[in-house]
Amino acid sequence: MSKTAKEMFEELGFKKIVNSYSTVVYEKGFRTISFIMMSDGSNIVTSSGHMSMMTLKAINQQCKELGWLDD
């Protein structure tokens, strides 16, 4: 069974601090990764700083769960 994005982020030390209709935000110290659905229908991901491949995998998983990427 594959892990959820939340589980993957938690393993990396991130905590989900926002979970609303249009925004999901994970935080680890001063680092944040945000998933934002814009009013025009576009979707964006922002990240402060560099990321590891494991973080990128968690980001991709979150995008899949939000329906932003195909499986």
Foldseek 3Di string as FASTA:
>chain_A
DDDALQVLVVVVQWHWDDDDPAKTWIDHPPWIWMWGQDPVRDIDIDIDDDDDVSNVVSVVRVCVVNVNDDD
